[in-house]
């Protein structure tokens, strides 16, 4: 742990969240605003600085009491240099030295990681994963992402981009994914794609469905899960495919990482047991018994604190992250 207080900053595609916390994860003050990513990095960074100063003032924190800043942001990014390489595919968010910018503005060392890794670190330190050495965190929301804790440490990989779990292939001849591949888990299980698959199913038939009761273009994953729970056959088929493929993807993660815990977070998990029950069954059916017997699949615990406390965990983990930078660290691919 570290003395002093920690700023946690969550930079998302639609919202910004900034909070001030103790090293034990106690939130002292927080603020949320729309991110306005289309305004460009200078404007967004300016908003973040305003929000940070506001929460510091609200908490009554004096100069020098903020000892670290943690940042979670969509990638790809370089956690060792603190640079956003191309955040969320928004124009202008290319090679932005985010940690330097925020450290200079706020007067404390800053540390950066992608939002999925941040969430994994947060759940491991403060949430469902406390006390576990080997854990997979999977967020199922607008997209699907994740982070892996192995031996008590975040698995980063050669250039800091390990655990792109949403891009495990679950159908080699399946739906196109925004990453350019086909059949990725995200192409089926993200909230965006659950709704898209429901719209496709509706367009392909004349079957009566509760999903036709409003504008089909406005369907959400929550609409699909609610209709499935109410017994709507078409929605139930879409939901069943979702949970089966999500369970299959999780089974692959269990085989790869041998965790004791798989933690599921993100907006889609608001469906509760309607999601968790069939996902657990689908994973169990596909996992070797000696791996399945040591793992539990559980919901995340941090809820709406996940972004901020994940960023706080990034700050706490930051010095070790910098110390463990691979000596062969490069940007982009090189072929021998």
Protein backbone atom coordinates (compact mmCIF):
# COMPACT_ATOMS: atom_id res chain seq x y z
CA UNK A 1 0.00 0.00 0.00
CA UNK A 2 0.97 3.65 -0.23
CA UNK A 3 0.40 6.59 2.04
CA UNK A 4 -1.80 9.43 0.88
CA UNK A 5 -4.80 9.46 -1.41
CA UNK A 6 -5.19 8.25 -4.97
CA UNK A 7 -7.02 9.72 -7.93
CA UNK A 8 -8.78 7.13 -10.05
CA UNK A 9 -9.69 8.24 -13.59
CA UNK A 10 -11.86 6.18 -15.93
CA UNK A 11 -11.94 7.45 -19.52
CA UNK A 12 -14.71 5.72 -21.45
CA UNK A 13 -16.24 6.13 -24.86
CA UNK A 14 -19.36 7.80 -23.46
CA UNK A 15 -18.50 8.84 -19.90
CA UNK A 16 -15.73 10.08 -17.68
CA UNK A 17 -15.52 9.09 -14.03
CA UNK A 18 -13.04 10.54 -11.56
CA UNK A 19 -12.79 9.66 -7.90
CA UNK A 20 -10.54 10.19 -4.91
CA UNK A 21 -9.91 7.12 -2.79
CA UNK A 22 -7.85 5.73 0.03
CA UNK A 23 -5.34 2.96 -0.74
CA UNK A 24 -7.85 0.53 0.80
CA UNK A 25 -10.46 1.46 -1.81
CA UNK A 26 -12.61 3.80 0.25
CA UNK A 27 -14.15 6.42 -2.03
CA UNK A 28 -13.93 9.94 -0.62
CA UNK A 29 -15.52 11.81 -3.54
CA UNK A 30 -16.37 11.17 -7.17
CA UNK A 31 -17.82 12.82 -10.24
CA UNK A 32 -19.16 11.66 -13.62
CA UNK A 33 -19.61 13.53 -16.89
CA UNK A 34 -20.18 12.70 -20.56
CA UNK A 35 -16.80 12.13 -22.16
CA UNK A 36 -17.33 13.94 -25.46
CA UNK A 37 -14.51 11.97 -27.06
CA UNK A 38 -15.30 13.50 -30.45
CA UNK A 39 -14.09 16.85 -29.08
CA UNK A 40 -10.55 15.49 -29.16
CA UNK A 41 -7.94 14.68 -26.55
CA UNK A 42 -7.15 18.23 -25.41
CA UNK A 43 -10.78 18.92 -24.50
CA UNK A 44 -11.25 15.56 -22.78
CA UNK A 45 -8.04 15.90 -20.79
CA UNK A 46 -9.16 19.38 -19.77
CA UNK A 47 -12.46 17.96 -18.48
CA UNK A 48 -10.63 15.27 -16.55
CA UNK A 49 -8.39 17.85 -14.88
CA UNK A 50 -11.44 19.96 -13.93
CA UNK A 51 -13.16 16.90 -12.48
CA UNK A 52 -10.05 15.85 -10.57
CA UNK A 53 -9.69 19.28 -9.00
CA UNK A 54 -13.39 19.25 -8.11
CA UNK A 55 -13.23 15.91 -6.28
CA UNK A 56 -10.03 16.93 -4.49
CA UNK A 57 -11.79 20.09 -3.31
CA UNK A 58 -14.94 18.20 -2.31
CA UNK A 59 -12.93 15.75 -0.23
CA UNK A 60 -11.04 18.58 1.48
CA UNK A 61 -7.73 17.15 0.38
CA UNK A 62 -4.71 19.43 0.67
CA UNK A 63 -1.77 19.92 -1.65
CA UNK A 64 0.57 16.95 -1.64
CA UNK A 65 -1.97 14.53 -0.21
CA UNK A 66 -2.66 12.98 -3.63
CA UNK A 67 0.31 10.68 -4.06
CA UNK A 68 -0.64 8.75 -7.21
CA UNK A 69 -2.98 8.93 -10.19
CA UNK A 70 -4.35 5.84 -11.91
CA UNK A 71 -5.99 5.91 -15.33
CA UNK A 72 -8.09 3.30 -17.12
CA UNK A 73 -8.74 3.96 -20.80
CA UNK A 74 -9.72 2.06 -23.91
CA UNK A 75 -6.76 0.84 -25.93
CA UNK A 76 -4.59 0.00 -27.59
CA UNK A 77 -2.10 1.74 -25.38
CA UNK A 78 1.39 1.41 -23.95
CA UNK A 79 1.24 1.06 -20.15
CA UNK A 80 5.00 1.41 -19.74
CA UNK A 81 5.28 4.73 -21.56
CA UNK A 82 1.84 5.91 -20.43
CA UNK A 83 0.83 6.59 -24.02
CA UNK A 84 -2.58 6.07 -25.62
CA UNK A 85 -1.81 4.66 -29.05
CA UNK A 86 -5.30 4.84 -30.56
CA UNK A 87 -8.04 5.14 -27.95
CA UNK A 88 -11.44 3.84 -28.94
CA UNK A 89 -10.71 4.59 -32.61
CA UNK A 90 -11.58 8.25 -32.06
CA UNK A 91 -10.01 10.80 -34.34
CA UNK A 92 -7.09 12.57 -32.74
CA UNK A 93 -6.50 9.98 -30.02
CA UNK A 94 -3.21 8.78 -31.45
CA UNK A 95 0.07 8.68 -29.50
CA UNK A 96 -1.25 10.81 -26.64
CA UNK A 97 1.18 10.96 -23.66
CA UNK A 98 -1.66 10.75 -21.18
CA UNK A 99 0.27 10.06 -17.99
CA UNK A 100 2.65 12.96 -18.63
CA UNK A 101 -0.23 15.33 -19.38
CA UNK A 102 -2.18 14.45 -16.24
CA UNK A 103 0.87 14.23 -14.00
CA UNK A 104 1.98 17.70 -15.07
CA UNK A 105 -1.51 19.14 -14.51
CA UNK A 106 -2.23 17.48 -11.17
CA UNK A 107 1.19 17.18 -9.57
CA UNK A 108 1.47 13.46 -8.87
CA UNK A 109 2.91 10.45 -10.73
CA UNK A 110 0.35 8.87 -13.07
CA UNK A 111 -0.03 5.30 -14.30
CA UNK A 112 -2.06 4.02 -17.25
CA UNK A 113 -3.67 0.74 -18.25
CA UNK A 114 -6.50 -0.33 -20.50
CA UNK A 115 -9.95 -0.31 -18.96
CA UNK A 116 -10.35 -4.10 -18.95
CA UNK A 117 -7.04 -4.63 -17.16
CA UNK A 118 -7.98 -1.88 -14.74
CA UNK A 119 -11.27 -3.61 -13.96
CA UNK A 120 -9.44 -6.91 -13.44
CA UNK A 121 -6.99 -5.27 -11.05
CA UNK A 122 -9.85 -3.56 -9.22
CA UNK A 123 -11.87 -6.74 -8.71
CA UNK A 124 -8.71 -8.60 -7.67
CA UNK A 125 -7.69 -6.01 -5.08
CA UNK A 126 -11.04 -4.70 -3.84
CA UNK A 127 -13.82 -6.94 -5.15
CA UNK A 128 -14.78 -10.52 -5.95
CA UNK A 129 -11.19 -11.64 -6.51
CA UNK A 130 -9.73 -10.66 -3.14
CA UNK A 131 -7.34 -13.35 -1.94
CA UNK A 132 -7.13 -15.23 -5.24
CA UNK A 133 -3.84 -15.80 -7.06
CA UNK A 134 -5.26 -16.93 -10.42
CA UNK A 135 -8.30 -15.15 -11.81
CA UNK A 136 -9.90 -14.24 -15.12
CA UNK A 137 -11.98 -11.09 -15.30
CA UNK A 138 -14.39 -10.73 -18.23
CA UNK A 139 -16.45 -7.64 -18.90
CA UNK A 140 -19.52 -8.15 -21.08
CA UNK A 141 -20.85 -4.77 -22.04
CA UNK A 142 -20.84 -2.67 -25.22
CA UNK A 143 -17.84 -4.82 -26.10
CA UNK A 144 -16.23 -7.85 -24.49
CA UNK A 145 -12.85 -7.49 -22.81
CA UNK A 146 -10.91 -8.87 -19.94
CA UNK A 147 -7.82 -9.25 -17.86
CA UNK A 148 -5.97 -12.19 -16.36
CA UNK A 149 -4.32 -12.40 -12.95
CA UNK A 150 -1.70 -15.17 -12.89
CA UNK A 151 0.30 -15.88 -9.76
CA UNK A 152 -1.09 -12.71 -8.20
CA UNK A 153 0.09 -10.48 -11.06
CA UNK A 154 -1.61 -9.04 -14.10
CA UNK A 155 -0.67 -10.89 -17.27
CA UNK A 156 0.50 -8.22 -19.72
CA UNK A 157 2.21 -10.09 -22.53
CA UNK A 158 5.05 -8.93 -24.73
CA UNK A 159 3.76 -5.45 -25.57
CA UNK A 160 1.16 -4.92 -22.88
CA UNK A 161 -1.85 -6.13 -24.84
CA UNK A 162 -2.42 -9.64 -23.47
CA UNK A 163 -5.88 -11.02 -22.68
CA UNK A 164 -7.91 -9.66 -25.59
CA UNK A 165 -10.48 -12.18 -24.44
CA UNK A 166 -13.31 -10.76 -26.52
CA UNK A 167 -11.44 -11.83 -29.62
CA UNK A 168 -11.20 -15.52 -28.87
CA UNK A 169 -12.77 -17.35 -31.80
CA UNK A 170 -15.99 -19.15 -30.90
CA UNK A 171 -17.17 -19.77 -34.49
CA UNK A 172 -14.52 -20.03 -37.22
CA UNK A 173 -17.09 -19.26 -39.92
CA UNK A 174 -19.17 -16.84 -37.89
CA UNK A 175 -20.19 -13.23 -37.74
CA UNK A 176 -17.75 -10.47 -38.69
CA UNK A 177 -16.18 -8.63 -35.78
CA UNK A 178 -15.18 -4.97 -35.74
CA UNK A 179 -11.58 -6.10 -35.20
CA UNK A 180 -11.54 -7.41 -38.78
CA UNK A 181 -11.76 -11.10 -37.93
CA UNK A 182 -14.82 -13.36 -37.84
CA UNK A 183 -16.47 -15.43 -35.14
CA UNK A 184 -15.04 -13.54 -32.15
CA UNK A 185 -16.75 -13.89 -28.78
CA UNK A 186 -17.48 -10.16 -28.86
CA UNK A 187 -19.38 -10.57 -32.14
CA UNK A 188 -21.95 -12.68 -30.26
CA UNK A 189 -21.89 -11.80 -26.58
CA UNK A 190 -21.45 -8.03 -26.41
CA UNK A 191 -24.56 -6.01 -25.65
CA UNK A 192 -24.30 -4.35 -29.04
CA UNK A 193 -24.18 -7.65 -30.89
CA UNK A 194 -26.87 -9.36 -28.82
CA UNK A 195 -29.21 -6.59 -29.97
CA UNK A 196 -27.92 -6.80 -33.55
CA UNK A 197 -28.48 -10.56 -33.69
CA UNK A 198 -32.01 -10.11 -32.37
CA UNK A 199 -32.72 -7.57 -35.12
CA UNK A 200 -31.32 -9.98 -37.71
CA UNK A 201 -33.51 -12.79 -36.37
CA UNK A 202 -36.60 -10.58 -36.53
CA UNK A 203 -35.82 -9.54 -40.10
CA UNK A 204 -35.37 -13.14 -41.19
CA UNK A 205 -38.86 -14.32 -40.19
CA UNK A 206 -42.45 -13.28 -39.51
CA UNK A 207 -42.59 -15.01 -36.13
CA UNK A 208 -44.53 -13.07 -33.48
CA UNK A 209 -42.26 -11.68 -30.79
CA UNK A 210 -42.37 -9.26 -27.89
CA UNK A 211 -39.33 -7.67 -29.49
CA UNK A 212 -41.58 -6.25 -32.22
CA UNK A 213 -43.58 -4.20 -29.73
CA UNK A 214 -41.37 -1.14 -30.14
CA UNK A 215 -38.92 0.26 -32.69
CA UNK A 216 -36.70 -2.67 -33.66
CA UNK A 217 -33.83 -0.30 -34.37
CA UNK A 218 -33.81 0.68 -30.68
CA UNK A 219 -33.55 -2.85 -29.27
CA UNK A 220 -31.02 -3.43 -26.50
CA UNK A 221 -29.52 -6.51 -24.92
CA UNK A 222 -31.69 -5.81 -21.86
CA UNK A 223 -34.78 -6.00 -24.08
CA UNK A 224 -33.64 -9.38 -25.40
CA UNK A 225 -32.94 -10.81 -21.95
CA UNK A 226 -36.27 -9.54 -20.59
CA UNK A 227 -38.19 -11.05 -23.50
CA UNK A 228 -36.32 -14.34 -23.14
CA UNK A 229 -37.15 -14.44 -19.43
CA UNK A 230 -40.81 -13.81 -20.29
CA UNK A 231 -40.83 -16.86 -22.55
CA UNK A 232 -40.53 -15.23 -25.97
CA UNK A 233 -39.26 -18.06 -28.26
CA UNK A 234 -37.28 -15.90 -30.67
CA UNK A 235 -35.59 -13.93 -27.89
CA UNK A 236 -34.92 -17.18 -26.03
CA UNK A 237 -33.07 -18.59 -29.06
CA UNK A 238 -30.89 -15.50 -29.35
CA UNK A 239 -30.20 -15.55 -25.62
CA UNK A 240 -29.44 -19.28 -25.63
CA UNK A 241 -26.88 -18.86 -28.40
CA UNK A 242 -25.35 -15.97 -26.46
CA UNK A 243 -24.94 -17.89 -23.22
CA UNK A 244 -23.73 -21.04 -24.99
CA UNK A 245 -20.99 -19.20 -26.86
CA UNK A 246 -20.07 -17.13 -23.82
CA UNK A 247 -19.73 -20.34 -21.82
CA UNK A 248 -17.65 -21.88 -24.61
CA UNK A 249 -15.36 -18.87 -24.61
CA UNK A 250 -14.99 -19.03 -20.84
CA UNK A 251 -14.17 -22.73 -21.12
CA UNK A 252 -11.29 -21.82 -23.44
CA UNK A 253 -10.09 -19.27 -20.88
CA UNK A 254 -10.24 -21.90 -18.14
CA UNK A 255 -8.19 -24.31 -20.24
CA UNK A 256 -5.64 -21.60 -21.03
CA UNK A 257 -5.20 -20.03 -17.58
CA UNK A 258 -6.38 -22.62 -14.99
CA UNK A 259 -7.96 -19.96 -12.71
CA UNK A 260 -9.73 -20.53 -9.43
CA UNK A 261 -12.16 -17.74 -10.29
CA UNK A 262 -13.81 -16.26 -13.37
CA UNK A 263 -15.40 -12.90 -12.56
CA UNK A 264 -18.08 -11.56 -14.90
CA UNK A 265 -18.78 -7.82 -15.01
CA UNK A 266 -20.33 -5.31 -17.38
CA UNK A 267 -23.84 -4.23 -18.22
CA UNK A 268 -25.00 -7.49 -19.80
CA UNK A 269 -24.46 -9.29 -16.48
CA UNK A 270 -27.37 -7.28 -15.04
CA UNK A 271 -29.45 -10.20 -16.36
CA UNK A 272 -28.26 -12.10 -13.28
CA UNK A 273 -29.01 -15.82 -13.12
CA UNK A 274 -30.60 -15.71 -16.57
CA UNK A 275 -27.03 -15.24 -17.79
CA UNK A 276 -24.93 -16.88 -15.09
CA UNK A 277 -26.86 -20.16 -14.88
CA UNK A 278 -26.63 -21.19 -18.55
CA UNK A 279 -23.10 -19.77 -18.89
CA UNK A 280 -21.93 -21.93 -15.99
CA UNK A 281 -23.57 -25.00 -17.53
CA UNK A 282 -22.12 -24.33 -20.99
CA UNK A 283 -18.65 -23.85 -19.54
CA UNK A 284 -18.90 -26.99 -17.40
CA UNK A 285 -19.95 -29.12 -20.38
CA UNK A 286 -16.83 -28.06 -22.30
CA UNK A 287 -14.17 -28.00 -19.59
CA UNK A 288 -11.90 -30.85 -18.50
CA UNK A 289 -13.08 -32.07 -15.09
CA UNK A 290 -9.78 -31.45 -13.30
CA UNK A 291 -9.86 -27.82 -14.43
CA UNK A 292 -13.57 -27.30 -13.85
CA UNK A 293 -13.48 -28.67 -10.31
CA UNK A 294 -11.21 -25.85 -9.07
CA UNK A 295 -12.95 -22.87 -10.70
CA UNK A 296 -16.00 -20.79 -9.84
CA UNK A 297 -17.79 -18.36 -12.16
CA UNK A 298 -19.11 -15.42 -10.14
CA UNK A 299 -20.48 -11.90 -10.70
CA UNK A 300 -18.29 -8.85 -10.17
CA UNK A 301 -18.77 -6.96 -6.91
CA UNK A 302 -17.67 -3.38 -7.56
CA UNK A 303 -20.68 -2.28 -9.63
CA UNK A 304 -20.62 1.42 -10.51
CA UNK A 305 -17.36 1.84 -8.58
CA UNK A 306 -15.52 -0.50 -10.96
CA UNK A 307 -14.04 2.13 -13.27
CA UNK A 308 -12.71 4.39 -10.53
CA UNK A 309 -11.48 1.64 -8.21
CA UNK A 310 -9.95 -0.17 -11.17
CA UNK A 311 -7.97 2.98 -11.92
CA UNK A 312 -6.98 3.22 -8.25
CA UNK A 313 -5.68 -0.35 -8.50
CA UNK A 314 -3.71 0.65 -11.61
CA UNK A 315 -2.02 3.36 -9.54
CA UNK A 316 -1.22 0.95 -6.73
CA UNK A 317 0.19 -1.57 -9.22
CA UNK A 318 1.99 1.12 -11.23
CA UNK A 319 5.54 0.98 -9.86
CA UNK A 320 5.65 -2.79 -10.31
CA UNK A 321 4.28 -2.39 -13.84
CA UNK A 322 7.11 -0.04 -14.76
CA UNK A 323 9.70 -2.29 -13.12
CA UNK A 324 8.50 -5.29 -15.14
CA UNK A 325 8.67 -3.68 -18.58
CA UNK A 326 9.98 -6.35 -21.00
CA UNK A 327 13.49 -5.65 -22.26
CA UNK A 328 12.33 -6.59 -25.75
CA UNK A 329 9.31 -4.27 -25.59
CA UNK A 330 8.49 -2.96 -29.06
CA UNK A 331 5.51 -1.25 -30.67
CA UNK A 332 3.87 -3.23 -33.41
CA UNK A 333 4.83 -6.55 -34.89
CA UNK A 334 8.26 -7.65 -36.02
CA UNK A 335 8.88 -10.85 -37.98
CA UNK A 336 12.12 -12.79 -37.69
